[in-house]
């Protein structure tokens, strides 16, 4: 009589096998173990990616790290000393302030910052995220920016990613 054999190396969606031999062959395919949780993988790259994204995460990304809307902007690369760039979409915002009798760099006035704040709230839903939401892979955080905040990938998003980065405590081996 054949029994029902369950795979324990696929914890998210355990597979069922008709014979012990089929189960053994399946488990032999997954020879790379996670040293933290015991999950098994077919190749070394999958195992390392799993460990690095779930267990050995030196930092994470979270919108809650961006407490001040001013950190969502950085000096424009195309118009230095004259404008700041939105880290979500790359739009430049001019600095209208200038020191009296000066040809030096411009500065953002209170009115400029009010316009930028409105832009973040109206276009990017700034401050709307669940404060406990974290991403342990940069590509997942970029997808979040794109889908939840109308983010547009570009050089400007690097500054935003850095501003949203949180250092994490190291995870212990089991």
N, C-alpha and C. Protein backbone atom coordinates (compact mmCIF):
# COMPACT_ATOMS: atom_id res chain seq x y z
N UNK A 1 0.84 -1.19 0.00
CA UNK A 1 0.00 0.00 0.00
C UNK A 1 0.88 1.24 0.00
N UNK A 2 0.55 2.18 -0.85
CA UNK A 2 1.35 3.40 -0.94
C UNK A 2 0.83 4.43 0.07
N UNK A 3 1.78 5.14 0.70
CA UNK A 3 1.41 6.16 1.67
C UNK A 3 1.54 7.54 1.07
N UNK A 4 1.27 8.53 1.89
CA UNK A 4 1.41 9.91 1.45
C UNK A 4 2.63 10.48 2.16
N UNK A 5 3.63 10.85 1.39
CA UNK A 5 4.88 11.35 1.96
C UNK A 5 4.97 12.86 1.71
N UNK A 6 5.24 13.60 2.78
CA UNK A 6 5.29 15.07 2.70
C UNK A 6 6.73 15.54 2.76
N UNK A 7 7.04 16.48 1.91
CA UNK A 7 8.36 17.10 1.89
C UNK A 7 8.44 18.13 3.01
N UNK A 8 9.52 18.12 3.76
CA UNK A 8 9.72 19.12 4.81
C UNK A 8 10.74 20.18 4.40
N UNK A 9 11.30 20.05 3.22
CA UNK A 9 12.31 21.02 2.79
C UNK A 9 11.69 22.15 1.98
N UNK A 10 10.39 22.12 1.77
CA UNK A 10 9.67 23.19 1.07
C UNK A 10 8.60 23.74 2.02
N UNK A 11 8.98 24.55 3.01
CA UNK A 11 8.04 24.94 4.05
C UNK A 11 6.87 25.81 3.59
N UNK A 12 7.06 26.63 2.56
CA UNK A 12 5.96 27.50 2.12
C UNK A 12 4.84 26.71 1.48
N UNK A 13 5.21 25.74 0.67
CA UNK A 13 4.21 24.92 -0.02
C UNK A 13 4.74 23.49 -0.08
N UNK A 14 4.57 22.72 1.02
CA UNK A 14 5.09 21.36 1.05
C UNK A 14 4.49 20.50 -0.06
N UNK A 15 5.34 19.71 -0.68
CA UNK A 15 4.89 18.85 -1.77
C UNK A 15 4.57 17.46 -1.22
N UNK A 16 3.62 16.80 -1.87
CA UNK A 16 3.22 15.45 -1.47
C UNK A 16 3.75 14.45 -2.50
N UNK A 17 4.20 13.30 -1.99
CA UNK A 17 4.74 12.26 -2.86
C UNK A 17 4.08 10.93 -2.55
N UNK A 18 3.93 10.13 -3.58
CA UNK A 18 3.30 8.81 -3.46
C UNK A 18 4.21 7.79 -2.79
N UNK A 19 5.52 7.90 -3.05
CA UNK A 19 6.45 6.90 -2.51
C UNK A 19 7.60 7.57 -1.78
N UNK A 20 8.21 6.81 -0.89
CA UNK A 20 9.38 7.31 -0.15
C UNK A 20 10.54 7.58 -1.10
N UNK A 21 10.63 6.81 -2.17
CA UNK A 21 11.71 7.00 -3.15
C UNK A 21 11.56 8.34 -3.87
N UNK A 22 10.32 8.68 -4.23
CA UNK A 22 10.08 9.97 -4.90
C UNK A 22 10.44 11.13 -3.97
N UNK A 23 10.08 10.99 -2.70
CA UNK A 23 10.41 12.03 -1.71
C UNK A 23 11.92 12.16 -1.58
N UNK A 24 12.61 11.04 -1.49
CA UNK A 24 14.07 11.05 -1.34
C UNK A 24 14.73 11.71 -2.55
N UNK A 25 14.24 11.43 -3.75
CA UNK A 25 14.80 12.03 -4.97
C UNK A 25 14.57 13.55 -4.97
N UNK A 26 13.40 13.96 -4.52
CA UNK A 26 13.09 15.40 -4.44
C UNK A 26 14.03 16.08 -3.45
N UNK A 27 14.20 15.50 -2.28
CA UNK A 27 15.06 16.10 -1.25
C UNK A 27 16.52 16.15 -1.70
N UNK A 28 16.93 15.18 -2.51
CA UNK A 28 18.31 15.15 -3.02
C UNK A 28 18.56 16.31 -3.99
N UNK A 29 17.50 16.77 -4.66
CA UNK A 29 17.64 17.92 -5.57
C UNK A 29 17.98 19.19 -4.81
N UNK A 30 17.56 19.26 -3.56
CA UNK A 30 17.74 20.48 -2.76
C UNK A 30 18.85 20.24 -1.74
N UNK A 31 20.08 20.36 -2.21
CA UNK A 31 21.22 20.02 -1.36
C UNK A 31 21.81 21.20 -0.60
N UNK A 32 21.32 22.42 -0.85
CA UNK A 32 21.87 23.60 -0.17
C UNK A 32 20.92 24.05 0.94
N UNK A 33 21.41 24.00 2.18
CA UNK A 33 20.59 24.34 3.35
C UNK A 33 20.83 25.78 3.78
N UNK A 34 19.77 26.40 4.28
CA UNK A 34 19.90 27.70 4.95
C UNK A 34 20.43 27.42 6.35
N UNK A 35 21.49 28.09 6.73
CA UNK A 35 22.07 27.85 8.05
C UNK A 35 21.30 28.53 9.18
N UNK A 36 20.25 29.28 8.84
CA UNK A 36 19.46 29.97 9.85
C UNK A 36 18.13 29.27 10.13
N UNK A 37 17.42 28.84 9.07
CA UNK A 37 16.07 28.28 9.28
C UNK A 37 15.93 26.85 8.78
N UNK A 38 16.92 26.32 8.08
CA UNK A 38 16.85 24.95 7.61
C UNK A 38 16.16 24.75 6.27
N UNK A 39 15.64 25.79 5.65
CA UNK A 39 15.06 25.64 4.31
C UNK A 39 16.14 25.11 3.37
N UNK A 40 15.70 24.39 2.34
CA UNK A 40 16.65 23.80 1.40
C UNK A 40 16.39 24.33 0.00
N UNK A 41 17.48 24.39 -0.80
CA UNK A 41 17.42 25.00 -2.12
C UNK A 41 18.17 24.16 -3.14
N UNK A 42 17.77 24.30 -4.41
CA UNK A 42 18.38 23.53 -5.49
C UNK A 42 19.78 24.03 -5.83
N UNK A 43 20.01 25.34 -5.70
CA UNK A 43 21.34 25.84 -6.04
C UNK A 43 21.84 26.83 -4.99
N UNK A 44 23.13 27.04 -5.03
CA UNK A 44 23.80 27.87 -4.02
C UNK A 44 23.30 29.32 -4.08
N UNK A 45 23.07 29.84 -5.29
CA UNK A 45 22.61 31.23 -5.42
C UNK A 45 21.27 31.45 -4.74
N UNK A 46 20.34 30.50 -4.91
CA UNK A 46 19.03 30.62 -4.26
C UNK A 46 19.19 30.63 -2.74
N UNK A 47 20.03 29.74 -2.23
CA UNK A 47 20.26 29.66 -0.78
C UNK A 47 20.87 30.96 -0.25
N UNK A 48 21.86 31.49 -0.96
CA UNK A 48 22.50 32.73 -0.52
C UNK A 48 21.54 33.91 -0.59
N UNK A 49 20.75 33.99 -1.65
CA UNK A 49 19.78 35.08 -1.77
C UNK A 49 18.75 35.02 -0.64
N UNK A 50 18.28 33.82 -0.33
CA UNK A 50 17.34 33.63 0.77
C UNK A 50 17.97 34.10 2.08
N UNK A 51 19.18 33.65 2.37
CA UNK A 51 19.85 34.02 3.62
C UNK A 51 20.09 35.52 3.70
N UNK A 52 20.59 36.10 2.62
CA UNK A 52 20.90 37.53 2.64
C UNK A 52 19.66 38.40 2.75
N UNK A 53 18.56 37.99 2.12
CA UNK A 53 17.38 38.84 2.15
C UNK A 53 16.53 38.62 3.40
N UNK A 54 16.60 37.44 4.01
CA UNK A 54 15.75 37.18 5.17
C UNK A 54 16.50 37.10 6.49
N UNK A 55 17.76 36.72 6.48
CA UNK A 55 18.45 36.47 7.74
C UNK A 55 19.65 37.38 7.98
N UNK A 56 20.49 37.58 6.97
CA UNK A 56 21.73 38.34 7.14
C UNK A 56 21.50 39.75 6.60
N UNK A 57 20.52 40.39 7.07
CA UNK A 57 20.13 41.69 6.53
C UNK A 57 20.75 42.81 7.36
N UNK A 58 21.84 43.39 6.89
CA UNK A 58 22.49 44.46 7.65
C UNK A 58 21.64 45.73 7.68
N UNK A 59 20.74 45.87 6.70
CA UNK A 59 19.87 47.04 6.70
C UNK A 59 18.58 46.71 5.95
N UNK A 60 17.61 47.56 6.20
CA UNK A 60 16.32 47.45 5.51
C UNK A 60 15.97 48.84 4.99
N UNK A 61 14.87 48.92 4.27
CA UNK A 61 14.39 50.20 3.77
C UNK A 61 12.96 50.38 4.23
N UNK A 62 12.63 51.58 4.67
CA UNK A 62 11.27 51.86 5.13
C UNK A 62 10.95 53.33 4.91
N UNK A 63 9.74 53.60 4.46
CA UNK A 63 9.30 54.98 4.29
C UNK A 63 9.26 55.71 5.63
N UNK A 64 9.07 54.95 6.72
CA UNK A 64 9.00 55.58 8.04
C UNK A 64 10.33 56.21 8.45
N UNK A 65 11.43 55.81 7.82
CA UNK A 65 12.74 56.40 8.12
C UNK A 65 12.83 57.83 7.59
N UNK A 66 11.97 58.18 6.67
CA UNK A 66 11.96 59.51 6.06
C UNK A 66 11.00 60.40 6.86
N UNK A 67 11.41 60.77 8.06
CA UNK A 67 10.53 61.52 8.96
C UNK A 67 10.32 62.96 8.51
N UNK A 68 11.30 63.55 7.86
CA UNK A 68 11.23 64.94 7.43
C UNK A 68 11.11 65.00 5.91
N UNK A 69 10.08 65.65 5.41
CA UNK A 69 9.86 65.70 3.96
C UNK A 69 11.04 66.35 3.23
N UNK A 70 11.82 67.16 3.92
CA UNK A 70 12.97 67.80 3.26
C UNK A 70 14.01 66.78 2.82
N UNK A 71 14.04 65.64 3.50
CA UNK A 71 15.02 64.59 3.14
C UNK A 71 14.63 63.88 1.85
N UNK A 72 13.42 64.12 1.35
CA UNK A 72 13.00 63.52 0.08
C UNK A 72 13.56 64.29 -1.11
N UNK A 73 14.22 65.41 -0.84
CA UNK A 73 14.80 66.25 -1.90
C UNK A 73 16.32 66.31 -1.74
N UNK A 74 17.00 66.47 -2.86
CA UNK A 74 18.44 66.68 -2.84
C UNK A 74 18.79 67.68 -3.94
N UNK A 75 19.99 68.22 -3.85
CA UNK A 75 20.39 69.23 -4.82
C UNK A 75 20.35 68.67 -6.24
N UNK A 76 19.80 69.45 -7.14
CA UNK A 76 19.67 69.04 -8.54
C UNK A 76 21.03 68.88 -9.19
N UNK A 77 21.20 67.79 -9.93
CA UNK A 77 22.43 67.58 -10.69
C UNK A 77 22.48 68.48 -11.92
N UNK A 78 21.32 68.75 -12.51
CA UNK A 78 21.29 69.55 -13.73
C UNK A 78 21.29 71.05 -13.45
N UNK A 79 20.86 71.44 -12.24
CA UNK A 79 20.83 72.87 -11.88
C UNK A 79 21.37 73.08 -10.46
N UNK A 80 22.65 72.75 -10.24
CA UNK A 80 23.20 72.90 -8.89
C UNK A 80 23.11 74.35 -8.41
N UNK A 81 22.88 74.50 -7.12
CA UNK A 81 22.76 75.80 -6.45
C UNK A 81 21.50 76.57 -6.86
N UNK A 82 20.68 76.00 -7.75
CA UNK A 82 19.48 76.70 -8.21
C UNK A 82 18.20 75.93 -7.94
N UNK A 83 18.29 74.60 -7.80
CA UNK A 83 17.08 73.79 -7.66
C UNK A 83 17.38 72.53 -6.85
N UNK A 84 16.30 71.91 -6.39
CA UNK A 84 16.37 70.63 -5.70
C UNK A 84 15.50 69.63 -6.45
N UNK A 85 15.89 68.36 -6.39
CA UNK A 85 15.20 67.30 -7.12
C UNK A 85 14.40 66.43 -6.17
N UNK A 86 13.17 66.10 -6.56
CA UNK A 86 12.33 65.18 -5.81
C UNK A 86 12.90 63.77 -5.96
N UNK A 87 13.14 63.10 -4.85
CA UNK A 87 13.69 61.75 -4.88
C UNK A 87 12.73 60.70 -5.38
N UNK A 88 11.44 61.02 -5.44
CA UNK A 88 10.45 60.06 -5.93
C UNK A 88 10.34 60.08 -7.46
N UNK A 89 10.30 61.28 -8.04
CA UNK A 89 9.99 61.36 -9.47
C UNK A 89 11.05 62.09 -10.30
N UNK A 90 12.01 62.76 -9.66
CA UNK A 90 13.05 63.44 -10.41
C UNK A 90 12.71 64.85 -10.85
N UNK A 91 11.53 65.34 -10.46
CA UNK A 91 11.14 66.70 -10.85
C UNK A 91 12.00 67.72 -10.10
N UNK A 92 12.46 68.74 -10.82
CA UNK A 92 13.25 69.81 -10.20
C UNK A 92 12.33 70.91 -9.67
N UNK A 93 12.69 71.43 -8.49
CA UNK A 93 11.97 72.54 -7.86
C UNK A 93 12.97 73.67 -7.64
N UNK A 94 12.67 74.81 -8.23
CA UNK A 94 13.58 75.97 -8.14
C UNK A 94 13.66 76.50 -6.72
N UNK A 95 14.81 77.08 -6.43
CA UNK A 95 15.02 77.81 -5.17
C UNK A 95 14.83 79.28 -5.49
N UNK A 96 13.87 79.91 -4.86
CA UNK A 96 13.59 81.31 -5.20
C UNK A 96 14.32 82.30 -4.30
N UNK A 97 14.89 81.84 -3.20
CA UNK A 97 15.58 82.75 -2.29
C UNK A 97 16.98 83.08 -2.74
N UNK A 98 17.36 84.33 -2.47
CA UNK A 98 18.70 84.78 -2.80
C UNK A 98 19.11 85.80 -1.75
N UNK A 99 20.34 85.70 -1.28
CA UNK A 99 20.84 86.66 -0.31
C UNK A 99 20.90 88.04 -0.95
N UNK A 100 20.57 89.10 -0.20
CA UNK A 100 20.57 90.46 -0.78
C UNK A 100 21.94 90.83 -1.35
N UNK A 101 21.93 91.35 -2.57
CA UNK A 101 23.16 91.80 -3.23
C UNK A 101 24.14 90.68 -3.50
N UNK A 102 23.65 89.47 -3.59
CA UNK A 102 24.55 88.33 -3.78
C UNK A 102 24.26 87.61 -5.09
N UNK A 103 25.32 87.20 -5.74
CA UNK A 103 25.18 86.34 -6.92
C UNK A 103 25.48 84.89 -6.56
N UNK A 104 25.53 84.61 -5.25
CA UNK A 104 25.86 83.27 -4.77
C UNK A 104 24.71 82.30 -4.97
N UNK A 105 24.83 81.15 -4.34
CA UNK A 105 23.81 80.11 -4.52
C UNK A 105 22.45 80.56 -3.98
N UNK A 106 21.43 80.07 -4.62
CA UNK A 106 20.06 80.35 -4.18
C UNK A 106 19.71 79.40 -3.03
N UNK A 107 18.65 79.74 -2.29
CA UNK A 107 18.18 78.87 -1.23
C UNK A 107 16.67 78.71 -1.36
N UNK A 108 16.17 77.62 -0.81
CA UNK A 108 14.73 77.35 -0.85
C UNK A 108 14.05 78.14 0.27
N UNK A 109 13.06 78.92 -0.10
CA UNK A 109 12.31 79.72 0.87
C UNK A 109 11.23 78.86 1.53
N UNK A 110 10.58 79.42 2.53
CA UNK A 110 9.48 78.72 3.19
C UNK A 110 8.37 78.40 2.18
N UNK A 111 8.09 79.32 1.28
CA UNK A 111 7.08 79.10 0.24
C UNK A 111 7.51 77.95 -0.69
N UNK A 112 8.81 77.91 -1.03
CA UNK A 112 9.33 76.80 -1.85
C UNK A 112 9.08 75.46 -1.16
N UNK A 113 9.35 75.41 0.15
CA UNK A 113 9.17 74.16 0.89
C UNK A 113 7.69 73.79 1.01
N UNK A 114 6.83 74.77 1.10
CA UNK A 114 5.38 74.48 1.12
C UNK A 114 4.95 73.84 -0.20
N UNK A 115 5.47 74.35 -1.31
CA UNK A 115 5.16 73.77 -2.63
C UNK A 115 5.67 72.33 -2.72
N UNK A 116 6.85 72.09 -2.22
CA UNK A 116 7.44 70.74 -2.25
C UNK A 116 6.65 69.78 -1.37
N UNK A 117 6.25 70.27 -0.21
CA UNK A 117 5.45 69.45 0.70
C UNK A 117 4.12 69.05 0.05
N UNK A 118 3.47 70.01 -0.60
CA UNK A 118 2.21 69.71 -1.31
C UNK A 118 2.46 68.69 -2.42
N UNK A 119 3.56 68.85 -3.15
CA UNK A 119 3.91 67.91 -4.21
C UNK A 119 4.03 66.49 -3.64
N UNK A 120 4.74 66.34 -2.52
CA UNK A 120 4.93 65.02 -1.93
C UNK A 120 3.60 64.41 -1.51
N UNK A 121 2.74 65.22 -0.91
CA UNK A 121 1.45 64.70 -0.45
C UNK A 121 0.50 64.41 -1.61
N UNK A 122 0.41 65.32 -2.56
CA UNK A 122 -0.53 65.16 -3.68
C UNK A 122 -0.08 64.11 -4.69
N UNK A 123 1.20 64.06 -4.98
CA UNK A 123 1.70 63.17 -6.04
C UNK A 123 2.26 61.84 -5.52
N UNK A 124 2.78 61.84 -4.30
CA UNK A 124 3.50 60.65 -3.83
C UNK A 124 2.96 60.07 -2.51
N UNK A 125 1.84 60.59 -2.03
CA UNK A 125 1.21 60.09 -0.80
C UNK A 125 2.22 59.99 0.34
N UNK A 126 3.00 61.04 0.50
CA UNK A 126 4.04 61.09 1.53
C UNK A 126 3.39 60.95 2.91
N UNK A 127 3.97 60.10 3.75
CA UNK A 127 3.49 59.92 5.12
C UNK A 127 2.31 58.97 5.25
N UNK A 128 1.90 58.32 4.16
CA UNK A 128 0.72 57.45 4.19
C UNK A 128 1.05 55.99 4.49
N UNK A 129 2.32 55.61 4.48
CA UNK A 129 2.68 54.20 4.66
C UNK A 129 2.54 53.74 6.10
N UNK A 130 2.28 52.46 6.25
CA UNK A 130 2.29 51.81 7.55
C UNK A 130 3.72 51.94 8.10
N UNK A 131 3.85 52.48 9.30
CA UNK A 131 5.19 52.76 9.84
C UNK A 131 5.99 51.49 10.14
N UNK A 132 5.34 50.34 10.24
CA UNK A 132 6.08 49.11 10.52
C UNK A 132 6.51 48.37 9.25
N UNK A 133 6.12 48.89 8.08
CA UNK A 133 6.45 48.22 6.82
C UNK A 133 7.94 48.39 6.51
N UNK A 134 8.62 47.25 6.26
CA UNK A 134 10.05 47.24 5.95
C UNK A 134 10.29 46.38 4.73
N UNK A 135 11.35 46.70 4.02
CA UNK A 135 11.78 45.91 2.86
C UNK A 135 13.23 45.53 3.08
N UNK A 136 13.55 44.26 2.87
CA UNK A 136 14.90 43.79 3.11
C UNK A 136 15.69 43.61 1.83
N UNK A 137 15.09 43.96 0.72
CA UNK A 137 15.79 43.98 -0.57
C UNK A 137 15.50 45.30 -1.25
N UNK A 138 16.55 45.92 -1.80
CA UNK A 138 16.40 47.23 -2.45
C UNK A 138 15.42 47.17 -3.61
N UNK A 139 15.44 46.07 -4.38
CA UNK A 139 14.53 45.99 -5.52
C UNK A 139 13.07 45.94 -5.08
N UNK A 140 12.79 45.31 -3.93
CA UNK A 140 11.42 45.31 -3.42
C UNK A 140 11.00 46.70 -2.95
N UNK A 141 11.95 47.43 -2.35
CA UNK A 141 11.64 48.80 -1.93
C UNK A 141 11.38 49.69 -3.14
N UNK A 142 12.17 49.52 -4.21
CA UNK A 142 11.95 50.30 -5.44
C UNK A 142 10.58 50.01 -6.03
N UNK A 143 10.16 48.75 -6.00
CA UNK A 143 8.82 48.39 -6.48
C UNK A 143 7.75 49.08 -5.64
N UNK A 144 7.96 49.12 -4.33
CA UNK A 144 7.03 49.81 -3.44
C UNK A 144 6.94 51.28 -3.81
N UNK A 145 8.08 51.93 -4.02
CA UNK A 145 8.08 53.34 -4.40
C UNK A 145 7.30 53.55 -5.70
N UNK A 146 7.49 52.66 -6.65
CA UNK A 146 6.82 52.77 -7.95
C UNK A 146 5.31 52.60 -7.81
N UNK A 147 4.88 51.56 -7.11
CA UNK A 147 3.46 51.23 -7.06
C UNK A 147 2.68 52.00 -6.00
N UNK A 148 3.31 52.35 -4.89
CA UNK A 148 2.59 53.04 -3.81
C UNK A 148 2.79 54.55 -3.80
N UNK A 149 3.88 55.01 -4.42
CA UNK A 149 4.20 56.44 -4.34
C UNK A 149 4.44 57.07 -5.71
N UNK A 150 4.01 56.44 -6.76
CA UNK A 150 4.20 56.96 -8.13
C UNK A 150 5.67 57.32 -8.37
N UNK A 151 6.56 56.50 -7.82
CA UNK A 151 7.98 56.73 -8.01
C UNK A 151 8.42 56.37 -9.42
N UNK A 152 9.40 57.11 -9.90
CA UNK A 152 9.96 56.88 -11.22
C UNK A 152 11.45 56.61 -11.03
N UNK A 153 11.93 55.46 -11.49
CA UNK A 153 13.33 55.10 -11.30
C UNK A 153 14.26 56.05 -12.04
N UNK A 154 15.34 56.38 -11.40
CA UNK A 154 16.35 57.25 -11.99
C UNK A 154 17.45 57.50 -10.97
N UNK A 155 18.42 58.31 -11.35
CA UNK A 155 19.54 58.62 -10.45
C UNK A 155 19.04 59.21 -9.13
N UNK A 156 17.95 59.97 -9.20
CA UNK A 156 17.41 60.65 -8.03
C UNK A 156 16.92 59.67 -6.96
N UNK A 157 16.53 58.45 -7.35
CA UNK A 157 16.01 57.50 -6.35
C UNK A 157 17.11 56.97 -5.44
N UNK A 158 18.37 57.01 -5.87
CA UNK A 158 19.46 56.55 -5.01
C UNK A 158 19.52 57.34 -3.72
N UNK A 159 19.35 58.65 -3.80
CA UNK A 159 19.38 59.50 -2.60
C UNK A 159 18.22 59.15 -1.68
N UNK A 160 17.06 58.90 -2.27
CA UNK A 160 15.88 58.55 -1.48
C UNK A 160 16.08 57.20 -0.79
N UNK A 161 16.63 56.23 -1.52
CA UNK A 161 16.92 54.92 -0.92
C UNK A 161 17.85 55.07 0.28
N UNK A 162 18.89 55.87 0.13
CA UNK A 162 19.84 56.08 1.22
C UNK A 162 19.14 56.72 2.42
N UNK A 163 18.27 57.69 2.16
CA UNK A 163 17.55 58.37 3.25
C UNK A 163 16.58 57.43 3.96
N UNK A 164 16.11 56.40 3.28
CA UNK A 164 15.12 55.46 3.85
C UNK A 164 15.76 54.20 4.42
N UNK A 165 17.09 54.13 4.42
CA UNK A 165 17.79 52.94 4.89
C UNK A 165 17.88 52.92 6.42
N UNK A 166 17.65 51.74 6.99
CA UNK A 166 17.71 51.54 8.44
C UNK A 166 18.71 50.42 8.72
N UNK A 167 19.63 50.64 9.66
CA UNK A 167 20.55 49.58 10.06
C UNK A 167 19.81 48.57 10.93
N UNK A 168 20.04 47.29 10.68
CA UNK A 168 19.35 46.21 11.39
C UNK A 168 20.32 45.49 12.33
N UNK A 169 19.76 44.93 13.39
CA UNK A 169 20.54 44.09 14.30
C UNK A 169 20.84 42.76 13.60
N UNK A 170 22.05 42.21 13.80
CA UNK A 170 22.35 40.92 13.17
C UNK A 170 21.47 39.80 13.72
N UNK A 171 21.10 38.86 12.84
CA UNK A 171 20.27 37.72 13.23
C UNK A 171 21.19 36.59 13.67
N UNK A 172 20.81 35.88 14.72
CA UNK A 172 21.62 34.78 15.25
C UNK A 172 21.35 33.48 14.49
N UNK A 173 22.40 32.65 14.35
CA UNK A 173 22.23 31.31 13.77
C UNK A 173 21.33 30.49 14.69
N UNK A 174 20.69 29.48 14.11
CA UNK A 174 19.86 28.62 14.96
C UNK A 174 20.67 27.49 15.54
